[in-house]
Amino acid sequence: MKLVAVDMDGTFLNDNNEYDEVRFKHIYDKMLHNNIRFVVASSNHSSYLKYFFAEYNDIIYIGANGASLELDDIKRYKLIAQRDVCTAITRLIDTNYEFVVSTINNAFIHQTASESYRRMIQPYYPDIKVFTVNDDIDESVLKITVTAAADELSHIIELLPASLDCVYSGAHCIDITAYADKAHMLKIVMEQLSVSRDDLVVFGDGENDIEMFKLSSHSYAMINAPRKVKSYASAIAPSNNQSGVLYILEQNIKQI
């Protein structure tokens, strides 16, 4: 084991959006001692993910469902073309969807967003900005997150230009990107750190984690994951509410 990649919601975090910080620090210190790197791979923005690991300065972040990567001094982005941003936003507004536009440094919601929606997303985007027309967003866009159920995925795909893709990330979130995915960025990390599939351990609970599973000989789906996700994993980990990731890591570290 040289590299560990974990999804956050439903995987590393429990249902209260927390993890056992004391237990993790003990594990992490042992990982560092054995030159094992830790990757957080999430649909959330990297700036939000960093709140959970404020005391750690060498964690690798794959954010925005694979649209961004921060690996030491390396930063990579998969951006949505501005014309596609404008098209997607216009069509989402016309069909009364509520959504967040994530850029490299900020996040935006449209002025028509309801107050209840703003309150719901506030914990994830504490410094969110409001825009009135497409041209107000003159920053590079990583993804657009639509609040919608999984069965609305096909309808949203129909609204988008062919150059864009979307995936259901759980918790009524559908992420629109320029065909970004976590696995693409994780592959870059593996190449930079000279890590083989036999040295990579992956944890996840959602369909957006499946491609990461395929990169590893040691992939763990959480027991709380859907059946389809479990079918792609090489093993099953205990629930996110039972610190399943930490339990498996402890077992692996004992063998080093």
C-alpha atoms as a PDB file:
ATOM      1  CA  MET A   1       0.000   0.000   0.000  1.00  0.00           C
ATOM      2  CA  LYS A   2       1.466   3.309  -1.169  1.00  0.00           C
ATOM      3  CA  LEU A   3      -1.640   5.370  -1.940  1.00  0.00           C
ATOM      4  CA  VAL A   4      -5.098   5.571  -0.339  1.00  0.00           C
ATOM      5  CA  ALA A   5      -7.997   7.341  -2.068  1.00  0.00           C
ATOM      6  CA  VAL A   6     -11.267   7.973  -0.243  1.00  0.00           C
ATOM      7  CA  ASP A   7     -14.603   9.441  -1.196  1.00  0.00           C
ATOM      8  CA  MET A   8     -16.067  11.660   1.538  1.00  0.00           C
ATOM      9  CA  ASP A   9     -19.885  11.708   1.861  1.00  0.00           C
ATOM     10  CA  GLY A  10     -21.222   8.265   2.690  1.00  0.00           C
ATOM     11  CA  THR A  11     -17.691   6.842   2.790  1.00  0.00           C
ATOM     12  CA  PHE A  12     -15.148   8.597   4.999  1.00  0.00           C
ATOM     13  CA  LEU A  13     -17.678  10.845   6.761  1.00  0.00           C
ATOM     14  CA  ASN A  14     -20.541   9.502   8.832  1.00  0.00           C
ATOM     15  CA  ASP A  15     -24.111  10.688   8.393  1.00  0.00           C
ATOM     16  CA  ASN A  16     -23.418  13.613  10.736  1.00  0.00           C
ATOM     17  CA  ASN A  17     -20.667  14.829   8.386  1.00  0.00           C
ATOM     18  CA  GLU A  18     -17.958  13.872  10.886  1.00  0.00           C
ATOM     19  CA  TYR A  19     -15.137  11.358  11.326  1.00  0.00           C
ATOM     20  CA  ASP A  20     -13.093  10.063  14.271  1.00  0.00           C
ATOM     21  CA  GLU A  21     -10.307  12.650  14.165  1.00  0.00           C
ATOM     22  CA  VAL A  22      -8.207  11.120  16.952  1.00  0.00           C
ATOM     23  CA  ARG A  23      -8.314   7.688  15.382  1.00  0.00           C
ATOM     24  CA  PHE A  24      -7.518   9.093  11.936  1.00  0.00           C
ATOM     25  CA  LYS A  25      -4.506  11.051  13.220  1.00  0.00           C
ATOM     26  CA  HIS A  26      -3.054   7.873  14.698  1.00  0.00           C
ATOM     27  CA  ILE A  27      -3.533   6.066  11.383  1.00  0.00           C
ATOM     28  CA  TYR A  28      -2.265   8.987   9.342  1.00  0.00           C
ATOM     29  CA  ASP A  29       0.945   9.269  11.363  1.00  0.00           C
ATOM     30  CA  LYS A  30       1.657   5.609  10.642  1.00  0.00           C
ATOM     31  CA  MET A  31       0.886   6.143   6.968  1.00  0.00           C
ATOM     32  CA  LEU A  32       3.358   9.019   6.771  1.00  0.00           C
ATOM     33  CA  HIS A  33       5.978   6.935   8.553  1.00  0.00           C
ATOM     34  CA  ASN A  34       5.545   4.302   5.831  1.00  0.00           C
ATOM     35  CA  ASN A  35       5.473   6.851   2.959  1.00  0.00           C
ATOM     36  CA  ILE A  36       1.798   6.216   2.190  1.00  0.00           C
ATOM     37  CA  ARG A  37      -0.023   9.198   0.651  1.00  0.00           C
ATOM     38  CA  PHE A  38      -3.684  10.037   1.289  1.00  0.00           C
ATOM     39  CA  VAL A  39      -6.071  11.288  -1.412  1.00  0.00           C
ATOM     40  CA  VAL A  40      -9.474  12.854  -0.783  1.00  0.00           C
ATOM     41  CA  ALA A  41     -11.601  12.381  -3.924  1.00  0.00           C
ATOM     42  CA  SER A  42     -14.992  14.067  -3.729  1.00  0.00           C
ATOM     43  CA  SER A  43     -17.683  15.851  -5.690  1.00  0.00           C
ATOM     44  CA  ASN A  44     -17.251  18.763  -3.292  1.00  0.00           C
ATOM     45  CA  HIS A  45     -14.963  21.730  -3.908  1.00  0.00           C
ATOM     46  CA  SER A  46     -11.400  21.375  -2.596  1.00  0.00           C
ATOM     47  CA  SER A  47     -11.758  24.493  -0.446  1.00  0.00           C
ATOM     48  CA  TYR A  48     -14.639  22.825   1.415  1.00  0.00           C
ATOM     49  CA  LEU A  49     -12.760  19.534   1.780  1.00  0.00           C
ATOM     50  CA  LYS A  50      -9.818  21.286   3.402  1.00  0.00           C
ATOM     51  CA  TYR A  51     -11.965  22.289   6.377  1.00  0.00           C
ATOM     52  CA  PHE A  52     -11.972  18.640   7.443  1.00  0.00           C
ATOM     53  CA  PHE A  53      -8.170  18.362   7.353  1.00  0.00           C
ATOM     54  CA  ALA A  54      -7.002  21.781   8.522  1.00  0.00           C
ATOM     55  CA  GLU A  55      -4.021  20.415  10.449  1.00  0.00           C
ATOM     56  CA  TYR A  56      -2.672  18.363   7.533  1.00  0.00           C
ATOM     57  CA  ASN A  57      -0.634  20.009   4.797  1.00  0.00           C
ATOM     58  CA  ASP A  58       0.278  17.063   2.572  1.00  0.00           C
ATOM     59  CA  ILE A  59      -3.103  15.592   1.693  1.00  0.00           C
ATOM     60  CA  ILE A  60      -3.896  15.305  -2.024  1.00  0.00           C
ATOM     61  CA  TYR A  61      -7.261  16.738  -3.120  1.00  0.00           C
ATOM     62  CA  ILE A  62      -9.353  15.648  -6.094  1.00  0.00           C
ATOM     63  CA  GLY A  63     -12.364  17.951  -6.023  1.00  0.00           C
ATOM     64  CA  ALA A  64     -15.446  18.850  -8.059  1.00  0.00           C
ATOM     65  CA  ASN A  65     -15.925  15.220  -9.103  1.00  0.00           C
ATOM     66  CA  GLY A  66     -12.532  15.121 -10.793  1.00  0.00           C
ATOM     67  CA  ALA A  67     -12.505  18.597 -12.328  1.00  0.00           C
ATOM     68  CA  SER A  68      -9.662  19.707 -10.039  1.00  0.00           C
ATOM     69  CA  LEU A  69      -6.478  18.212  -8.602  1.00  0.00           C
ATOM     70  CA  GLU A  70      -4.088  19.587  -5.981  1.00  0.00           C
ATOM     71  CA  LEU A  71      -0.996  17.429  -5.550  1.00  0.00           C
ATOM     72  CA  ASP A  72       1.802  19.226  -3.713  1.00  0.00           C
ATOM     73  CA  ASP A  73       2.816  22.001  -6.160  1.00  0.00           C
ATOM     74  CA  ILE A  74       0.822  20.518  -9.048  1.00  0.00           C
ATOM     75  CA  LYS A  75      -2.626  21.875  -9.903  1.00  0.00           C
ATOM     76  CA  ARG A  76      -4.730  20.486 -12.744  1.00  0.00           C
ATOM     77  CA  TYR A  77      -8.213  21.490 -13.899  1.00  0.00           C
ATOM     78  CA  LYS A  78     -10.785  20.168 -16.367  1.00  0.00           C
ATOM     79  CA  LEU A  79     -12.780  23.286 -17.245  1.00  0.00           C
ATOM     80  CA  ILE A  80     -16.140  23.793 -18.922  1.00  0.00           C
ATOM     81  CA  ALA A  81     -15.972  26.036 -22.007  1.00  0.00           C
ATOM     82  CA  GLN A  82     -17.606  29.410 -21.417  1.00  0.00           C
ATOM     83  CA  ARG A  83     -20.137  28.951 -24.228  1.00  0.00           C
ATOM     84  CA  ASP A  84     -21.217  25.650 -22.695  1.00  0.00           C
ATOM     85  CA  VAL A  85     -21.529  27.270 -19.281  1.00  0.00           C
ATOM     86  CA  CYS A  86     -23.891  29.871 -20.747  1.00  0.00           C
ATOM     87  CA  THR A  87     -25.955  27.257 -22.590  1.00  0.00           C
ATOM     88  CA  ALA A  88     -26.280  24.968 -19.564  1.00  0.00           C
ATOM     89  CA  ILE A  89     -27.187  27.797 -17.189  1.00  0.00           C
ATOM     90  CA  THR A  90     -29.811  29.244 -19.531  1.00  0.00           C
ATOM     91  CA  ARG A  91     -31.493  25.866 -20.006  1.00  0.00           C
ATOM     92  CA  LEU A  92     -31.429  25.044 -16.287  1.00  0.00           C
ATOM     93  CA  ILE A  93     -33.013  28.386 -15.436  1.00  0.00           C
ATOM     94  CA  ASP A  94     -35.659  27.936 -18.136  1.00  0.00           C
ATOM     95  CA  THR A  95     -36.591  24.535 -16.684  1.00  0.00           C
ATOM     96  CA  ASN A  96     -36.677  25.851 -13.090  1.00  0.00           C
ATOM     97  CA  TYR A  97     -33.763  23.841 -11.714  1.00  0.00           C
ATOM     98  CA  GLU A  98     -31.750  25.208  -8.789  1.00  0.00           C
ATOM     99  CA  PHE A  99     -27.992  24.849  -9.112  1.00  0.00           C
ATOM    100  CA  VAL A 100     -24.531  25.976  -8.008  1.00  0.00           C
ATOM    101  CA  VAL A 101     -21.768  26.976 -10.417  1.00  0.00           C
ATOM    102  CA  SER A 102     -18.335  26.089  -9.006  1.00  0.00           C
ATOM    103  CA  THR A 103     -15.280  27.931 -10.304  1.00  0.00           C
ATOM    104  CA  ILE A 104     -11.651  27.461  -9.299  1.00  0.00           C
ATOM    105  CA  ASN A 105     -11.919  30.008  -6.483  1.00  0.00           C
ATOM    106  CA  ASN A 106     -15.629  30.691  -5.932  1.00  0.00           C
ATOM    107  CA  ALA A 107     -19.195  29.421  -6.205  1.00  0.00           C
ATOM    108  CA  PHE A 108     -22.263  31.143  -7.649  1.00  0.00           C
ATOM    109  CA  ILE A 109     -26.041  30.773  -7.536  1.00  0.00           C
ATOM    110  CA  HIS A 110     -28.601  32.515  -9.729  1.00  0.00           C
ATOM    111  CA  GLN A 111     -30.689  35.336  -8.295  1.00  0.00           C
ATOM    112  CA  THR A 112     -33.842  33.228  -8.711  1.00  0.00           C
ATOM    113  CA  ALA A 113     -32.609  30.633  -6.198  1.00  0.00           C
ATOM    114  CA  SER A 114     -35.040  30.242  -3.304  1.00  0.00           C
ATOM    115  CA  GLU A 115     -34.137  31.201   0.243  1.00  0.00           C
ATOM    116  CA  SER A 116     -34.583  27.594   1.394  1.00  0.00           C
ATOM    117  CA  TYR A 117     -32.107  26.464  -1.274  1.00  0.00           C
ATOM    118  CA  ARG A 118     -29.575  29.060  -0.154  1.00  0.00           C
ATOM    119  CA  ARG A 119     -29.843  27.860   3.433  1.00  0.00           C
ATOM    120  CA  MET A 120     -29.447  24.233   2.356  1.00  0.00           C
ATOM    121  CA  ILE A 121     -26.203  24.786   0.441  1.00  0.00           C
ATOM    122  CA  GLN A 122     -24.686  27.345   2.830  1.00  0.00           C
ATOM    123  CA  PRO A 123     -22.587  24.787   4.786  1.00  0.00           C
ATOM    124  CA  TYR A 124     -20.942  23.629   1.549  1.00  0.00           C
ATOM    125  CA  TYR A 125     -20.443  27.074   0.014  1.00  0.00           C
ATOM    126  CA  PRO A 126     -20.025  29.582   2.886  1.00  0.00           C
ATOM    127  CA  ASP A 127     -18.890  32.450   0.633  1.00  0.00           C
ATOM    128  CA  ILE A 128     -21.310  31.888  -2.226  1.00  0.00           C
ATOM    129  CA  LYS A 129     -21.953  34.728  -4.677  1.00  0.00           C
ATOM    130  CA  VAL A 130     -25.136  35.634  -6.559  1.00  0.00           C
ATOM    131  CA  PHE A 131     -25.224  36.267 -10.300  1.00  0.00           C
ATOM    132  CA  THR A 132     -27.966  37.762 -12.452  1.00  0.00           C
ATOM    133  CA  VAL A 133     -26.849  36.980 -15.992  1.00  0.00           C
ATOM    134  CA  ASN A 134     -24.372  34.500 -17.466  1.00  0.00           C
ATOM    135  CA  ASP A 135     -21.783  37.179 -18.127  1.00  0.00           C
ATOM    136  CA  ASP A 136     -21.524  37.821 -14.382  1.00  0.00           C
ATOM    137  CA  ILE A 137     -19.536  34.594 -14.111  1.00  0.00           C
ATOM    138  CA  ASP A 138     -16.280  35.510 -15.785  1.00  0.00           C
ATOM    139  CA  GLU A 139     -14.221  32.860 -13.970  1.00  0.00           C
ATOM    140  CA  SER A 140     -13.156  29.396 -15.118  1.00  0.00           C
ATOM    141  CA  VAL A 141     -15.934  26.916 -14.298  1.00  0.00           C
ATOM    142  CA  LEU A 142     -15.197  23.439 -12.948  1.00  0.00           C
ATOM    143  CA  LYS A 143     -18.727  22.083 -12.579  1.00  0.00           C
ATOM    144  CA  ILE A 144     -22.393  22.899 -12.195  1.00  0.00           C
ATOM    145  CA  THR A 145     -24.253  21.030  -9.460  1.00  0.00           C
ATOM    146  CA  VAL A 146     -27.996  20.650  -9.945  1.00  0.00           C
ATOM    147  CA  THR A 147     -30.278  19.725  -7.075  1.00  0.00           C
ATOM    148  CA  ALA A 148     -32.344  16.870  -8.489  1.00  0.00           C
ATOM    149  CA  ALA A 149     -33.201  13.222  -7.916  1.00  0.00           C
ATOM    150  CA  ALA A 150     -31.265  10.442  -9.628  1.00  0.00           C
ATOM    151  CA  ASP A 151     -34.166   9.650 -11.961  1.00  0.00           C
ATOM    152  CA  GLU A 152     -33.894  13.160 -13.449  1.00  0.00           C
ATOM    153  CA  LEU A 153     -30.405  12.470 -14.762  1.00  0.00           C
ATOM    154  CA  SER A 154     -31.514  11.579 -18.283  1.00  0.00           C
ATOM    155  CA  HIS A 155     -33.662  14.715 -18.530  1.00  0.00           C
ATOM    156  CA  ILE A 156     -30.762  16.954 -17.503  1.00  0.00           C
ATOM    157  CA  ILE A 157     -28.448  15.248 -19.996  1.00  0.00           C
ATOM    158  CA  GLU A 158     -30.931  16.169 -22.737  1.00  0.00           C
ATOM    159  CA  LEU A 159     -30.606  19.844 -21.755  1.00  0.00           C
ATOM    160  CA  LEU A 160     -26.830  19.896 -22.134  1.00  0.00           C
ATOM    161  CA  PRO A 161     -24.460  20.410 -25.066  1.00  0.00           C
ATOM    162  CA  ALA A 162     -22.813  17.165 -26.226  1.00  0.00           C
ATOM    163  CA  SER A 163     -19.490  18.378 -24.806  1.00  0.00           C
ATOM    164  CA  LEU A 164     -20.855  18.091 -21.264  1.00  0.00           C
ATOM    165  CA  ASP A 165     -21.638  15.075 -19.146  1.00  0.00           C
ATOM    166  CA  CYS A 166     -23.363  14.630 -15.819  1.00  0.00           C
ATOM    167  CA  VAL A 167     -23.364  12.048 -13.040  1.00  0.00           C
ATOM    168  CA  TYR A 168     -25.476  11.500  -9.948  1.00  0.00           C
ATOM    169  CA  SER A 169     -23.236  12.069  -6.913  1.00  0.00           C
ATOM    170  CA  GLY A 170     -25.776  11.211  -4.217  1.00  0.00           C
ATOM    171  CA  ALA A 171     -27.774  13.396  -1.829  1.00  0.00           C
ATOM    172  CA  HIS A 172     -29.908  14.791  -4.688  1.00  0.00           C
ATOM    173  CA  CYS A 173     -26.849  16.230  -6.437  1.00  0.00           C
ATOM    174  CA  ILE A 174     -26.223  15.888 -10.170  1.00  0.00           C
ATOM    175  CA  ASP A 175     -22.788  17.161 -11.223  1.00  0.00           C
ATOM    176  CA  ILE A 176     -22.271  18.576 -14.715  1.00  0.00           C
ATOM    177  CA  THR A 177     -18.677  18.660 -15.984  1.00  0.00           C
ATOM    178  CA  ALA A 178     -16.698  18.627 -19.213  1.00  0.00           C
ATOM    179  CA  TYR A 179     -16.419  14.837 -18.923  1.00  0.00           C
ATOM    180  CA  ALA A 180     -14.319  15.047 -15.761  1.00  0.00           C
ATOM    181  CA  ASP A 181     -14.135  12.134 -13.361  1.00  0.00           C
ATOM    182  CA  LYS A 182     -12.220  11.254 -10.222  1.00  0.00           C
ATOM    183  CA  ALA A 183     -10.414   8.356 -11.880  1.00  0.00           C
ATOM    184  CA  HIS A 184      -8.758  10.578 -14.495  1.00  0.00           C
ATOM    185  CA  MET A 185      -7.143  12.749 -11.815  1.00  0.00           C
ATOM    186  CA  LEU A 186      -6.312   9.742  -9.637  1.00  0.00           C
ATOM    187  CA  LYS A 187      -4.479   8.229 -12.589  1.00  0.00           C
ATOM    188  CA  ILE A 188      -2.350  11.388 -12.786  1.00  0.00           C
ATOM    189  CA  VAL A 189      -1.543  11.039  -9.083  1.00  0.00           C
ATOM    190  CA  MET A 190      -0.519   7.423  -9.616  1.00  0.00           C
ATOM    191  CA  GLU A 191       1.777   8.415 -12.480  1.00  0.00           C
ATOM    192  CA  GLN A 192       3.365  11.265 -10.534  1.00  0.00           C
ATOM    193  CA  LEU A 193       4.014   9.071  -7.483  1.00  0.00           C
ATOM    194  CA  SER A 194       4.889   5.901  -9.446  1.00  0.00           C
ATOM    195  CA  VAL A 195       2.102   3.902  -7.823  1.00  0.00           C
ATOM    196  CA  SER A 196       0.814   0.673  -9.386  1.00  0.00           C
ATOM    197  CA  ARG A 197      -2.733  -0.682  -9.128  1.00  0.00           C
ATOM    198  CA  ASP A 198      -1.483  -3.206  -6.571  1.00  0.00           C
ATOM    199  CA  ASP A 199      -0.284  -0.358  -4.330  1.00  0.00           C
ATOM    200  CA  LEU A 200      -3.535   1.640  -4.497  1.00  0.00           C
ATOM    201  CA  VAL A 201      -6.427   1.264  -2.030  1.00  0.00           C
ATOM    202  CA  VAL A 202      -9.741   2.940  -2.931  1.00  0.00           C
ATOM    203  CA  PHE A 203     -12.901   3.499  -0.875  1.00  0.00           C
ATOM    204  CA  GLY A 204     -16.272   4.707  -2.180  1.00  0.00           C
ATOM    205  CA  ASP A 205     -20.032   4.385  -2.032  1.00  0.00           C
ATOM    206  CA  GLY A 206     -21.327   6.015  -5.220  1.00  0.00           C
ATOM    207  CA  GLU A 207     -21.461   5.450  -8.955  1.00  0.00           C
ATOM    208  CA  ASN A 208     -18.929   8.264  -9.401  1.00  0.00           C
ATOM    209  CA  ASP A 209     -16.422   6.068  -7.519  1.00  0.00           C
ATOM    210  CA  ILE A 210     -16.689   3.059  -9.833  1.00  0.00           C
ATOM    211  CA  GLU A 211     -14.030   4.232 -12.290  1.00  0.00           C
ATOM    212  CA  MET A 212     -11.611   4.684  -9.362  1.00  0.00           C
ATOM    213  CA  PHE A 213     -12.331   1.098  -8.295  1.00  0.00           C
ATOM    214  CA  LYS A 214     -11.166  -0.061 -11.723  1.00  0.00           C
ATOM    215  CA  LEU A 215      -7.725   1.493 -11.141  1.00  0.00           C
ATOM    216  CA  SER A 216      -7.048  -0.568  -8.031  1.00  0.00           C
ATOM    217  CA  SER A 217      -6.568  -4.201  -7.052  1.00  0.00           C
ATOM    218  CA  HIS A 218      -7.856  -3.252  -3.582  1.00  0.00           C
ATOM    219  CA  SER A 219     -11.162  -1.425  -3.966  1.00  0.00           C
ATOM    220  CA  TYR A 220     -13.662  -1.229  -1.111  1.00  0.00           C
ATOM    221  CA  ALA A 221     -17.323  -0.342  -1.460  1.00  0.00           C
ATOM    222  CA  MET A 222     -18.972   0.662   1.786  1.00  0.00           C
ATOM    223  CA  ILE A 223     -21.646  -1.740   2.994  1.00  0.00           C
ATOM    224  CA  ASN A 224     -24.105   1.170   2.755  1.00  0.00           C
ATOM    225  CA  ALA A 225     -23.377   1.552  -0.991  1.00  0.00           C
ATOM    226  CA  PRO A 226     -25.935   0.536  -3.649  1.00  0.00           C
ATOM    227  CA  ARG A 227     -25.705  -3.018  -5.001  1.00  0.00           C
ATOM    228  CA  LYS A 228     -24.416  -1.824  -8.383  1.00  0.00           C
ATOM    229  CA  VAL A 229     -21.460  -0.016  -6.764  1.00  0.00           C
ATOM    230  CA  LYS A 230     -20.622  -3.056  -4.638  1.00  0.00           C
ATOM    231  CA  SER A 231     -20.486  -5.244  -7.726  1.00  0.00           C
ATOM    232  CA  TYR A 232     -17.439  -3.307  -8.996  1.00  0.00           C
ATOM    233  CA  ALA A 233     -15.456  -3.457  -5.746  1.00  0.00           C
ATOM    234  CA  SER A 234     -13.044  -6.212  -4.771  1.00  0.00           C
ATOM    235  CA  ALA A 235     -14.224  -6.118  -1.130  1.00  0.00           C
ATOM    236  CA  ILE A 236     -16.839  -4.594   1.168  1.00  0.00           C
ATOM    237  CA  ALA A 237     -15.969  -2.252   4.053  1.00  0.00           C
ATOM    238  CA  PRO A 238     -18.080  -1.629   7.158  1.00  0.00           C
ATOM    239  CA  SER A 239     -20.545   1.256   7.115  1.00  0.00           C
ATOM    240  CA  ASN A 240     -19.488   4.905   7.011  1.00  0.00           C
ATOM    241  CA  ASN A 241     -21.250   5.208  10.378  1.00  0.00           C
ATOM    242  CA  GLN A 242     -18.941   2.534  11.773  1.00  0.00           C
ATOM    243  CA  SER A 243     -15.731   4.246  10.585  1.00  0.00           C
ATOM    244  CA  GLY A 244     -15.383   1.551   7.937  1.00  0.00           C
ATOM    245  CA  VAL A 245     -12.513   3.290   6.132  1.00  0.00           C
ATOM    246  CA  LEU A 246     -10.514   3.660   9.337  1.00  0.00           C
ATOM    247  CA  TYR A 247     -11.130   0.028  10.285  1.00  0.00           C
ATOM    248  CA  ILE A 248      -9.810  -1.283   6.934  1.00  0.00           C
ATOM    249  CA  LEU A 249      -6.793   1.044   7.051  1.00  0.00           C
ATOM    250  CA  GLU A 250      -5.930  -0.171  10.542  1.00  0.00           C
ATOM    251  CA  GLN A 251      -6.024  -3.774   9.319  1.00  0.00           C
ATOM    252  CA  ASN A 252      -3.771  -2.929   6.355  1.00  0.00           C
ATOM    253  CA  ILE A 253      -1.253  -0.985   8.433  1.00  0.00           C
ATOM    254  CA  LYS A 254      -0.891  -3.920  10.839  1.00  0.00           C
ATOM    255  CA  GLN A 255       0.433  -5.957   7.916  1.00  0.00           C
ATOM    256  CA  ILE A 256       3.187  -3.482   6.999  1.00  0.00           C
END
